[in-house]
Amino acid sequence: MHFNPEIIDQKATYKLLTGAVIPRPIGWISSISEDGILNLAPFSFFNAVGEDPPHIMFSTVRPNNSNKDTLNNVLATKQFVVNMVVEDIVEQMNITSQSVESHINEFELAGLTPIPSLKVKAPRVKESPITMECELVHHYTLEDNKYGGATIIVGRVVMFHVDESVLLDDFKINMETYKPVARLAGSNYSKLGEIFSIKRT
């Protein structure tokens, strides 16, 4: 079967893309507005970019050509925090995915604890075992969009915070205690399943 994204509708394209590119890690982005209002929202169009120096990326859709609060905050302050989602806090993450008014603090909405960062103004999620403070280095809005498209955010990691419970020797992450959650298609998520190793030849 062949599908031309310029011919099929937007929903079909979304289903194909999000159903094929799985599992996707979840970037739980905390930010703060210029007025000091905290914001927290999950994004599954998210990943690491490189380690020299460390950068991550996430993208946020722009429904009806309007920015989400996260995008407005990041563009205004040039800072944000990535909080990694694990099994114990997946329900709270889901609560923060709903669309609410800009004055609503999602930390309070989901019963989460904001704690200060060391280098950026945006707070971290205390309940997340791994968080990364980031500074904005680049943003790009997808061209030729019909409904608002999406804006890609690239941030440089300026500070890592890793809970001792998920840290092994030599800066390795303990996958057994980390227990990350990934996004699949629709309302489906996944845990780490069977793990196997293949050595490079």
Protein backbone atom coordinates (compact mmCIF):
# COMPACT_ATOMS: atom_id res chain seq x y z
CA MET A 1 0.00 0.00 0.00
CA HIS A 2 1.19 3.50 -0.81
CA PHE A 3 -0.05 6.73 0.79
CA ASN A 4 0.77 10.22 -0.38
CA PRO A 5 0.50 12.63 2.58
CA GLU A 6 -0.46 15.40 0.17
CA ILE A 7 -3.59 13.44 -0.77
CA ILE A 8 -4.78 11.67 2.39
CA ASP A 9 -6.28 13.77 5.17
CA GLN A 10 -4.48 15.02 8.26
CA LYS A 11 -5.97 12.41 10.63
CA ALA A 12 -4.85 9.56 8.38
CA THR A 13 -1.35 10.99 8.19
CA TYR A 14 -1.22 11.35 11.97
CA LYS A 15 -2.34 7.76 12.52
CA LEU A 16 0.26 6.40 10.10
CA LEU A 17 3.08 8.47 11.58
CA THR A 18 2.33 7.90 15.26
CA GLY A 19 1.47 4.25 14.73
CA ALA A 20 4.66 3.50 12.83
CA VAL A 21 7.17 5.50 14.86
CA ILE A 22 6.91 3.64 18.17
CA PRO A 23 7.72 3.51 20.98
CA ARG A 24 8.35 7.21 21.52
CA PRO A 25 9.90 8.59 24.72
CA ILE A 26 7.89 11.27 26.45
CA GLY A 27 9.35 14.69 27.10
CA TRP A 28 7.44 16.15 30.03
CA ILE A 29 8.24 19.82 29.60
CA SER A 30 8.03 22.28 32.47
CA SER A 31 8.23 25.98 31.75
CA ILE A 32 7.34 29.31 33.29
CA SER A 33 5.66 32.32 31.74
CA GLU A 34 7.00 35.85 31.93
CA ASP A 35 4.29 36.46 34.54
CA GLY A 36 5.55 33.57 36.68
CA ILE A 37 2.81 31.05 35.88
CA LEU A 38 4.06 27.46 35.88
CA ASN A 39 3.24 25.11 33.02
CA LEU A 40 3.73 21.38 32.57
CA ALA A 41 2.84 19.32 29.49
CA PRO A 42 3.93 16.03 27.86
CA PHE A 43 5.22 15.71 24.29
CA SER A 44 5.91 12.42 22.52
CA PHE A 45 7.55 14.04 19.51
CA PHE A 46 10.69 14.13 21.63
CA ASN A 47 14.19 12.71 21.66
CA ALA A 48 17.90 13.27 22.26
CA VAL A 49 19.84 15.00 19.48
CA GLY A 50 23.48 14.49 20.47
CA GLU A 51 25.85 14.59 23.42
CA ASP A 52 28.66 16.87 22.20
CA PRO A 53 27.35 19.13 23.64
CA PRO A 54 24.14 17.52 24.93
CA HIS A 55 20.98 18.64 23.12
CA ILE A 56 17.38 17.41 23.07
CA MET A 57 14.43 18.25 20.85
CA PHE A 58 10.68 18.23 21.11
CA SER A 59 7.94 19.57 18.89
CA THR A 60 4.56 21.01 19.74
CA VAL A 61 1.62 21.21 17.37
CA ARG A 62 -0.03 24.56 16.65
CA PRO A 63 -3.75 23.80 16.35
CA ASN A 64 -5.65 26.44 14.37
CA ASN A 65 -2.40 28.41 14.00
CA SER A 66 -2.19 29.09 17.74
CA ASN A 67 0.72 28.42 20.06
CA LYS A 68 0.38 26.24 23.12
CA ASP A 69 1.46 27.68 26.47
CA THR A 70 4.66 25.63 26.45
CA LEU A 71 5.78 27.11 23.16
CA ASN A 72 4.94 30.66 24.21
CA ASN A 73 6.84 30.23 27.47
CA VAL A 74 9.93 28.70 25.87
CA LEU A 75 10.11 31.35 23.16
CA ALA A 76 9.72 34.11 25.75
CA THR A 77 12.13 32.84 28.42
CA LYS A 78 14.48 30.74 26.25
CA GLN A 79 14.47 28.04 28.94
CA PHE A 80 12.67 24.84 29.93
CA VAL A 81 13.11 21.55 31.80
CA VAL A 82 12.64 18.01 30.52
CA ASN A 83 11.21 15.68 33.17
CA MET A 84 11.30 11.99 32.26
CA VAL A 85 8.08 10.00 32.74
CA VAL A 86 8.15 6.73 34.68
CA GLU A 87 5.51 4.21 35.69
CA ASP A 88 4.80 5.73 39.12
CA ILE A 89 3.78 9.11 37.69
CA VAL A 90 2.16 8.22 34.39
CA GLU A 91 -1.32 9.07 35.68
CA GLN A 92 -0.18 12.54 36.72
CA MET A 93 1.45 12.96 33.32
CA ASN A 94 -1.86 12.15 31.66
CA ILE A 95 -3.64 14.78 33.75
CA THR A 96 -1.22 17.44 32.48
CA SER A 97 -1.95 16.50 28.86
CA GLN A 98 -5.39 18.09 28.93
CA SER A 99 -6.00 21.54 27.47
CA VAL A 100 -6.63 24.09 30.22
CA GLU A 101 -6.59 27.87 30.48
CA SER A 102 -3.20 29.57 30.52
CA HIS A 103 -3.55 30.67 34.14
CA ILE A 104 -3.93 27.07 35.37
CA ASN A 105 -0.87 25.61 37.10
CA GLU A 106 -0.57 21.98 35.93
CA PHE A 107 1.67 21.13 38.88
CA GLU A 108 -1.23 21.90 41.20
CA LEU A 109 -3.74 20.28 38.85
CA ALA A 110 -1.87 16.96 38.91
CA GLY A 111 -0.71 17.11 42.54
CA LEU A 112 2.97 17.34 41.62
CA THR A 113 5.80 19.09 43.43
CA PRO A 114 7.75 21.86 41.66
CA ILE A 115 11.33 22.22 42.87
CA PRO A 116 13.89 24.86 41.87
CA SER A 117 16.32 24.30 39.05
CA LEU A 118 19.95 25.33 39.34
CA LYS A 119 20.49 27.17 36.06
CA VAL A 120 17.06 27.96 34.59
CA LYS A 121 13.95 29.63 35.97
CA ALA A 122 11.56 26.81 35.07
CA PRO A 123 11.02 24.36 37.95
CA ARG A 124 11.60 20.63 37.89
CA VAL A 125 9.15 17.85 38.78
CA LYS A 126 10.33 16.42 42.08
CA GLU A 127 8.62 13.10 41.42
CA SER A 128 10.60 12.51 38.20
CA PRO A 129 13.86 10.57 38.75
CA ILE A 130 15.66 12.19 35.81
CA THR A 131 15.34 15.83 34.79
CA MET A 132 17.32 18.02 32.42
CA GLU A 133 17.55 21.79 32.53
CA CYS A 134 17.68 23.24 29.02
CA GLU A 135 18.30 26.51 27.22
CA LEU A 136 16.71 27.18 23.84
CA VAL A 137 19.13 27.23 20.91
CA HIS A 138 16.83 26.87 17.90
CA HIS A 139 13.19 26.70 16.88
CA TYR A 140 11.61 26.01 13.53
CA THR A 141 7.97 25.90 12.45
CA LEU A 142 7.12 23.36 9.74
CA GLU A 143 6.47 25.05 6.42
CA ASP A 144 3.61 24.46 3.98
CA ASN A 145 1.24 23.49 6.79
CA LYS A 146 -2.53 23.63 6.42
CA TYR A 147 -3.69 23.69 10.04
CA GLY A 148 -0.87 25.38 11.95
CA GLY A 149 1.78 22.67 11.69
CA ALA A 150 4.23 22.19 14.52
CA THR A 151 7.21 24.00 15.97
CA ILE A 152 10.42 22.10 16.67
CA ILE A 153 12.35 23.17 19.74
CA VAL A 154 16.03 22.30 20.17
CA GLY A 155 17.50 22.87 23.61
CA ARG A 156 20.97 22.52 25.05
CA VAL A 157 21.10 20.54 28.30
CA VAL A 158 22.89 22.68 30.88
CA MET A 159 22.26 20.48 33.92
CA PHE A 160 21.34 16.83 34.54
CA HIS A 161 19.58 15.71 37.72
CA VAL A 162 19.54 11.94 38.31
CA ASP A 163 18.12 10.28 41.40
CA GLU A 164 20.52 7.84 43.04
CA SER A 165 17.88 5.10 42.83
CA VAL A 166 18.26 4.90 39.02
CA LEU A 167 22.01 5.51 38.76
CA LEU A 168 24.65 2.81 38.39
CA ASP A 169 28.43 3.12 38.37
CA ASP A 170 30.12 4.98 35.53
CA PHE A 171 27.07 7.21 34.87
CA LYS A 172 24.93 4.32 33.58
CA ILE A 173 21.16 4.30 34.11
CA ASN A 174 19.59 1.30 35.88
CA MET A 175 16.73 0.31 33.59
CA GLU A 176 15.24 -2.03 36.21
CA THR A 177 14.66 0.78 38.69
CA TYR A 178 14.17 3.58 36.14
CA LYS A 179 10.99 2.06 34.60
CA PRO A 180 10.36 4.61 31.84
CA VAL A 181 7.07 4.86 29.98
CA ALA A 182 6.80 5.37 26.21
CA ARG A 183 3.98 6.58 23.99
CA LEU A 184 2.42 4.40 21.31
CA ALA A 185 -0.53 5.30 19.06
CA GLY A 186 -3.81 6.71 20.31
CA SER A 187 -4.23 6.34 24.07
CA ASN A 188 -1.76 3.46 24.29
CA TYR A 189 1.50 3.50 26.23
CA SER A 190 4.18 0.91 26.89
CA LYS A 191 6.65 -0.17 29.55
CA LEU A 192 10.06 -1.68 28.93
CA GLY A 193 9.52 -5.22 27.70
CA GLU A 194 12.03 -7.94 26.93
CA ILE A 195 15.53 -6.53 26.52
CA PHE A 196 18.19 -8.18 24.35
CA SER A 197 21.72 -7.21 23.35
CA ILE A 198 23.52 -7.34 20.03
CA LYS A 199 27.22 -6.59 19.97
CA ARG A 200 28.57 -4.53 17.10
CA THR A 201 30.77 -6.48 14.71
